[in-house]
Amino acid sequence: MHAWVRTTCTALAEQGVAMLAIGRVKAVDSAPLLESRLAQAMTMVLAQMDVARLLLEGGTTARTALDRLQWRQLQTVALAATDLPALCPTEGVPRVFIKPGSYDWPDSVWPK
């Protein structure tokens, strides 16, 4: 976990972007455990790095991540695409985008 977080923080510092994802190889055969570990790694990264935008994919995965952060309320602050609002926790940062895993992210969420 610590190596994963360290690598992610390094990528954020050097490239300005990073992705935490569950790989294709099943090391654990429990979706809730995988979601929990992903949320834990994300929380550890956010504790160490300033992040302006957080993209969460998959309804259950997103819920697990938001629960881990203890973000109970989000407010709409903009639209990234027709059906993709930018949300913010009450603290205002980062902007959060949530989408189902069944379709691609719109180009409007990627930095230019």
N, C-alpha and C. Protein backbone atom coordinates (compact mmCIF):
# COMPACT_ATOMS: atom_id res chain seq x y z
N MET A 1 0.83 -1.20 0.00
CA MET A 1 0.00 0.00 0.00
C MET A 1 0.87 1.25 0.00
N HIS A 2 1.89 1.28 0.85
CA HIS A 2 2.73 2.47 0.94
C HIS A 2 3.51 2.71 -0.35
N ALA A 3 3.98 1.66 -0.97
CA ALA A 3 4.70 1.81 -2.25
C ALA A 3 3.76 2.34 -3.33
N TRP A 4 2.54 1.85 -3.35
CA TRP A 4 1.53 2.29 -4.31
C TRP A 4 1.25 3.78 -4.13
N VAL A 5 1.07 4.21 -2.89
CA VAL A 5 0.80 5.61 -2.59
C VAL A 5 2.02 6.47 -2.92
N ARG A 6 3.20 6.01 -2.57
CA ARG A 6 4.43 6.75 -2.86
C ARG A 6 4.60 6.95 -4.37
N THR A 7 4.37 5.90 -5.15
CA THR A 7 4.47 5.99 -6.61
C THR A 7 3.44 6.97 -7.17
N THR A 8 2.25 6.93 -6.63
CA THR A 8 1.18 7.84 -7.08
C THR A 8 1.53 9.29 -6.75
N CYS A 9 2.03 9.53 -5.55
CA CYS A 9 2.43 10.89 -5.16
C CYS A 9 3.57 11.40 -6.03
N THR A 10 4.51 10.53 -6.37
CA THR A 10 5.62 10.91 -7.25
C THR A 10 5.09 11.31 -8.62
N ALA A 11 4.16 10.51 -9.16
CA ALA A 11 3.57 10.83 -10.46
C ALA A 11 2.83 12.16 -10.41
N LEU A 12 2.09 12.41 -9.34
CA LEU A 12 1.39 13.69 -9.21
C LEU A 12 2.37 14.85 -9.16
N ALA A 13 3.43 14.69 -8.41
CA ALA A 13 4.42 15.76 -8.28
C ALA A 13 5.14 16.02 -9.61
N GLU A 14 5.46 14.96 -10.32
CA GLU A 14 6.24 15.11 -11.56
C GLU A 14 5.39 15.40 -12.78
N GLN A 15 4.22 14.77 -12.88
CA GLN A 15 3.40 14.88 -14.08
C GLN A 15 2.14 15.74 -13.90
N GLY A 16 1.75 15.93 -12.66
CA GLY A 16 0.53 16.69 -12.39
C GLY A 16 -0.74 15.85 -12.47
N VAL A 17 -0.62 14.58 -12.83
CA VAL A 17 -1.77 13.67 -12.91
C VAL A 17 -1.33 12.28 -12.47
N ALA A 18 -2.29 11.51 -11.99
CA ALA A 18 -2.02 10.12 -11.61
C ALA A 18 -3.34 9.37 -11.57
N MET A 19 -3.26 8.06 -11.70
CA MET A 19 -4.45 7.24 -11.64
C MET A 19 -4.22 6.08 -10.67
N LEU A 20 -5.16 5.91 -9.79
CA LEU A 20 -5.18 4.72 -8.93
C LEU A 20 -6.23 3.80 -9.53
N ALA A 21 -5.86 2.57 -9.81
CA ALA A 21 -6.79 1.64 -10.42
C ALA A 21 -6.54 0.24 -9.89
N ILE A 22 -7.58 -0.55 -9.94
CA ILE A 22 -7.47 -1.95 -9.60
C ILE A 22 -7.02 -2.66 -10.88
N GLY A 23 -5.95 -3.41 -10.79
CA GLY A 23 -5.40 -4.07 -11.97
C GLY A 23 -6.27 -5.20 -12.48
N ARG A 24 -5.88 -5.75 -13.59
CA ARG A 24 -6.63 -6.83 -14.22
C ARG A 24 -6.35 -8.19 -13.56
N VAL A 25 -5.21 -8.32 -12.90
CA VAL A 25 -4.88 -9.58 -12.24
C VAL A 25 -5.55 -9.60 -10.87
N LYS A 26 -6.29 -10.65 -10.59
CA LYS A 26 -7.00 -10.74 -9.31
C LYS A 26 -6.07 -11.27 -8.23
N ALA A 27 -5.66 -10.39 -7.34
CA ALA A 27 -4.87 -10.81 -6.18
C ALA A 27 -5.80 -11.14 -5.03
N VAL A 28 -6.98 -10.54 -5.05
CA VAL A 28 -7.99 -10.75 -4.02
C VAL A 28 -9.32 -10.96 -4.74
N ASP A 29 -10.08 -11.93 -4.32
CA ASP A 29 -11.35 -12.22 -4.98
C ASP A 29 -12.52 -11.66 -4.18
N SER A 30 -12.42 -10.39 -3.79
CA SER A 30 -13.46 -9.75 -3.00
C SER A 30 -13.58 -8.30 -3.44
N ALA A 31 -14.63 -7.99 -4.19
CA ALA A 31 -14.82 -6.62 -4.68
C ALA A 31 -14.84 -5.60 -3.54
N PRO A 32 -15.55 -5.85 -2.44
CA PRO A 32 -15.53 -4.86 -1.36
C PRO A 32 -14.13 -4.60 -0.80
N LEU A 33 -13.32 -5.64 -0.69
CA LEU A 33 -11.96 -5.47 -0.18
C LEU A 33 -11.12 -4.65 -1.16
N LEU A 34 -11.25 -4.93 -2.45
CA LEU A 34 -10.52 -4.16 -3.46
C LEU A 34 -10.94 -2.69 -3.44
N GLU A 35 -12.24 -2.44 -3.35
CA GLU A 35 -12.74 -1.06 -3.29
C GLU A 35 -12.23 -0.36 -2.04
N SER A 36 -12.20 -1.07 -0.92
CA SER A 36 -11.71 -0.50 0.33
C SER A 36 -10.23 -0.13 0.22
N ARG A 37 -9.44 -1.02 -0.37
CA ARG A 37 -8.00 -0.73 -0.53
C ARG A 37 -7.77 0.44 -1.48
N LEU A 38 -8.54 0.50 -2.54
CA LEU A 38 -8.43 1.63 -3.47
C LEU A 38 -8.78 2.94 -2.76
N ALA A 39 -9.85 2.93 -1.99
CA ALA A 39 -10.26 4.12 -1.24
C ALA A 39 -9.21 4.50 -0.20
N GLN A 40 -8.62 3.52 0.46
CA GLN A 40 -7.57 3.80 1.45
C GLN A 40 -6.36 4.44 0.78
N ALA A 41 -5.93 3.91 -0.35
CA ALA A 41 -4.80 4.49 -1.07
C ALA A 41 -5.12 5.91 -1.51
N MET A 42 -6.32 6.14 -2.02
CA MET A 42 -6.72 7.47 -2.46
C MET A 42 -6.69 8.45 -1.29
N THR A 43 -7.20 8.03 -0.15
CA THR A 43 -7.21 8.89 1.04
C THR A 43 -5.80 9.23 1.47
N MET A 44 -4.90 8.26 1.40
CA MET A 44 -3.51 8.51 1.78
C MET A 44 -2.85 9.50 0.82
N VAL A 45 -3.14 9.38 -0.46
CA VAL A 45 -2.59 10.33 -1.45
C VAL A 45 -3.13 11.72 -1.18
N LEU A 46 -4.44 11.84 -0.98
CA LEU A 46 -5.05 13.16 -0.75
C LEU A 46 -4.54 13.81 0.54
N ALA A 47 -4.12 13.01 1.50
CA ALA A 47 -3.57 13.56 2.74
C ALA A 47 -2.18 14.15 2.51
N GLN A 48 -1.50 13.72 1.45
CA GLN A 48 -0.13 14.16 1.19
C GLN A 48 -0.01 15.17 0.05
N MET A 49 -1.00 15.21 -0.83
CA MET A 49 -0.88 16.02 -2.04
C MET A 49 -2.11 16.91 -2.20
N ASP A 50 -1.90 18.10 -2.77
CA ASP A 50 -3.02 18.94 -3.16
C ASP A 50 -3.51 18.44 -4.51
N VAL A 51 -4.78 18.14 -4.59
CA VAL A 51 -5.39 17.63 -5.81
C VAL A 51 -6.56 18.53 -6.17
N ALA A 52 -6.56 19.03 -7.40
CA ALA A 52 -7.62 19.93 -7.83
C ALA A 52 -8.85 19.18 -8.33
N ARG A 53 -8.63 18.01 -8.98
CA ARG A 53 -9.75 17.25 -9.55
C ARG A 53 -9.58 15.78 -9.20
N LEU A 54 -10.70 15.19 -8.80
CA LEU A 54 -10.74 13.78 -8.43
C LEU A 54 -11.81 13.12 -9.29
N LEU A 55 -11.40 12.18 -10.12
CA LEU A 55 -12.33 11.46 -10.99
C LEU A 55 -12.58 10.09 -10.40
N LEU A 56 -13.83 9.79 -10.09
CA LEU A 56 -14.20 8.51 -9.50
C LEU A 56 -15.08 7.76 -10.49
N GLU A 57 -14.73 6.49 -10.72
CA GLU A 57 -15.46 5.69 -11.71
C GLU A 57 -16.10 4.50 -11.03
N GLY A 58 -17.36 4.30 -11.34
CA GLY A 58 -18.10 3.17 -10.77
C GLY A 58 -18.87 3.59 -9.54
N GLY A 59 -20.13 3.33 -9.50
CA GLY A 59 -20.98 3.79 -8.41
C GLY A 59 -20.56 3.29 -7.03
N THR A 60 -20.34 1.99 -6.89
CA THR A 60 -19.96 1.44 -5.59
C THR A 60 -18.56 1.88 -5.21
N THR A 61 -17.67 1.91 -6.16
CA THR A 61 -16.29 2.37 -5.90
C THR A 61 -16.30 3.82 -5.45
N ALA A 62 -17.07 4.66 -6.14
CA ALA A 62 -17.16 6.08 -5.77
C ALA A 62 -17.74 6.23 -4.37
N ARG A 63 -18.79 5.48 -4.06
CA ARG A 63 -19.41 5.56 -2.73
C ARG A 63 -18.41 5.16 -1.64
N THR A 64 -17.65 4.10 -1.89
CA THR A 64 -16.65 3.65 -0.93
C THR A 64 -15.60 4.73 -0.71
N ALA A 65 -15.16 5.37 -1.79
CA ALA A 65 -14.16 6.44 -1.69
C ALA A 65 -14.71 7.63 -0.91
N LEU A 66 -15.92 8.05 -1.22
CA LEU A 66 -16.52 9.20 -0.53
C LEU A 66 -16.76 8.89 0.95
N ASP A 67 -17.17 7.66 1.25
CA ASP A 67 -17.35 7.27 2.64
C ASP A 67 -16.03 7.31 3.39
N ARG A 68 -14.97 6.83 2.75
CA ARG A 68 -13.64 6.82 3.38
C ARG A 68 -13.18 8.24 3.71
N LEU A 69 -13.51 9.19 2.82
CA LEU A 69 -13.16 10.59 3.04
C LEU A 69 -14.12 11.29 4.01
N GLN A 70 -15.20 10.60 4.35
CA GLN A 70 -16.25 11.14 5.21
C GLN A 70 -16.89 12.38 4.59
N TRP A 71 -17.02 12.36 3.29
CA TRP A 71 -17.72 13.44 2.58
C TRP A 71 -19.17 13.03 2.42
N ARG A 72 -20.02 13.61 3.21
CA ARG A 72 -21.44 13.25 3.21
C ARG A 72 -22.26 14.14 2.28
N GLN A 73 -21.75 15.33 2.01
CA GLN A 73 -22.48 16.25 1.13
C GLN A 73 -21.54 16.80 0.08
N LEU A 74 -22.03 16.83 -1.15
CA LEU A 74 -21.31 17.46 -2.24
C LEU A 74 -22.25 18.45 -2.88
N GLN A 75 -21.70 19.52 -3.38
CA GLN A 75 -22.53 20.51 -4.06
C GLN A 75 -22.07 20.65 -5.51
N THR A 76 -23.02 20.86 -6.41
CA THR A 76 -22.70 21.04 -7.82
C THR A 76 -22.10 22.42 -8.01
N VAL A 77 -20.96 22.48 -8.70
CA VAL A 77 -20.30 23.77 -8.94
C VAL A 77 -20.15 24.10 -10.42
N ALA A 78 -20.29 23.10 -11.28
CA ALA A 78 -20.15 23.33 -12.73
C ALA A 78 -20.55 22.04 -13.44
N LEU A 79 -20.53 22.09 -14.77
CA LEU A 79 -20.75 20.90 -15.58
C LEU A 79 -19.52 20.66 -16.43
N ALA A 80 -19.02 19.44 -16.42
CA ALA A 80 -17.90 19.09 -17.30
C ALA A 80 -18.44 18.60 -18.64
N ALA A 81 -19.63 18.07 -18.62
CA ALA A 81 -20.32 17.60 -19.82
C ALA A 81 -21.80 17.61 -19.49
N THR A 82 -22.63 17.35 -20.45
CA THR A 82 -24.08 17.44 -20.26
C THR A 82 -24.56 16.69 -19.02
N ASP A 83 -24.10 15.47 -18.84
CA ASP A 83 -24.57 14.66 -17.71
C ASP A 83 -23.49 14.41 -16.68
N LEU A 84 -22.48 15.27 -16.61
CA LEU A 84 -21.37 15.04 -15.68
C LEU A 84 -21.09 16.32 -14.89
N PRO A 85 -21.76 16.47 -13.74
CA PRO A 85 -21.51 17.67 -12.94
C PRO A 85 -20.18 17.60 -12.20
N ALA A 86 -19.59 18.76 -12.00
CA ALA A 86 -18.44 18.87 -11.12
C ALA A 86 -19.00 19.12 -9.73
N LEU A 87 -18.60 18.30 -8.79
CA LEU A 87 -19.08 18.40 -7.42
C LEU A 87 -17.93 18.79 -6.51
N CYS A 88 -18.25 19.42 -5.41
CA CYS A 88 -17.23 19.76 -4.41
C CYS A 88 -17.75 19.41 -3.03
N PRO A 89 -16.85 18.93 -2.19
CA PRO A 89 -17.24 18.77 -0.79
C PRO A 89 -17.45 20.15 -0.18
N THR A 90 -18.03 20.22 0.98
CA THR A 90 -18.31 21.52 1.59
C THR A 90 -17.05 22.34 1.79
N GLU A 91 -15.88 21.69 1.88
CA GLU A 91 -14.62 22.41 2.02
C GLU A 91 -14.21 23.06 0.69
N GLY A 92 -14.79 22.63 -0.44
CA GLY A 92 -14.55 23.28 -1.72
C GLY A 92 -13.47 22.68 -2.61
N VAL A 93 -12.63 21.81 -2.11
CA VAL A 93 -11.57 21.23 -2.94
C VAL A 93 -11.45 19.76 -2.58
N PRO A 94 -11.20 18.90 -3.48
CA PRO A 94 -11.08 19.07 -4.92
C PRO A 94 -12.44 19.01 -5.60
N ARG A 95 -12.44 19.34 -6.89
CA ARG A 95 -13.65 19.09 -7.68
C ARG A 95 -13.72 17.59 -7.90
N VAL A 96 -14.91 17.05 -7.74
CA VAL A 96 -15.12 15.61 -7.84
C VAL A 96 -16.04 15.33 -9.02
N PHE A 97 -15.62 14.39 -9.86
CA PHE A 97 -16.43 13.94 -10.98
C PHE A 97 -16.69 12.46 -10.79
N ILE A 98 -17.95 12.06 -10.90
CA ILE A 98 -18.33 10.66 -10.69
C ILE A 98 -19.11 10.19 -11.91
N LYS A 99 -18.72 9.01 -12.42
CA LYS A 99 -19.46 8.44 -13.54
C LYS A 99 -19.54 6.94 -13.39
N PRO A 100 -20.55 6.33 -13.99
CA PRO A 100 -20.60 4.87 -14.02
C PRO A 100 -19.42 4.34 -14.82
N GLY A 101 -19.06 3.10 -14.60
CA GLY A 101 -17.94 2.51 -15.33
C GLY A 101 -18.29 2.07 -16.73
N SER A 102 -19.53 2.24 -17.14
CA SER A 102 -19.99 1.68 -18.41
C SER A 102 -19.74 2.56 -19.63
N TYR A 103 -19.21 3.75 -19.46
CA TYR A 103 -18.90 4.57 -20.63
C TYR A 103 -17.63 5.37 -20.37
N ASP A 104 -17.05 5.91 -21.46
CA ASP A 104 -15.79 6.63 -21.36
C ASP A 104 -15.97 8.00 -20.72
N TRP A 105 -14.89 8.51 -20.16
CA TRP A 105 -14.89 9.87 -19.63
C TRP A 105 -15.00 10.84 -20.81
N PRO A 106 -15.77 11.92 -20.68
CA PRO A 106 -15.81 12.91 -21.75
C PRO A 106 -14.48 13.66 -21.83
N ASP A 107 -14.12 14.10 -23.01
CA ASP A 107 -12.86 14.83 -23.19
C ASP A 107 -12.76 16.07 -22.31
N SER A 108 -13.91 16.64 -21.93
CA SER A 108 -13.92 17.89 -21.16
C SER A 108 -13.33 17.75 -19.76
N VAL A 109 -13.15 16.54 -19.24
CA VAL A 109 -12.57 16.40 -17.90
C VAL A 109 -11.05 16.36 -17.92
N TRP A 110 -10.45 16.15 -19.08
CA TRP A 110 -8.99 16.04 -19.17
C TRP A 110 -8.36 17.41 -19.31
N PRO A 111 -7.22 17.63 -18.64
CA PRO A 111 -6.55 18.94 -18.74
C PRO A 111 -6.09 19.20 -20.17
N LYS A 112 -6.09 20.46 -20.50
CA LYS A 112 -5.65 20.87 -21.84
C LYS A 112 -4.29 21.50 -21.78
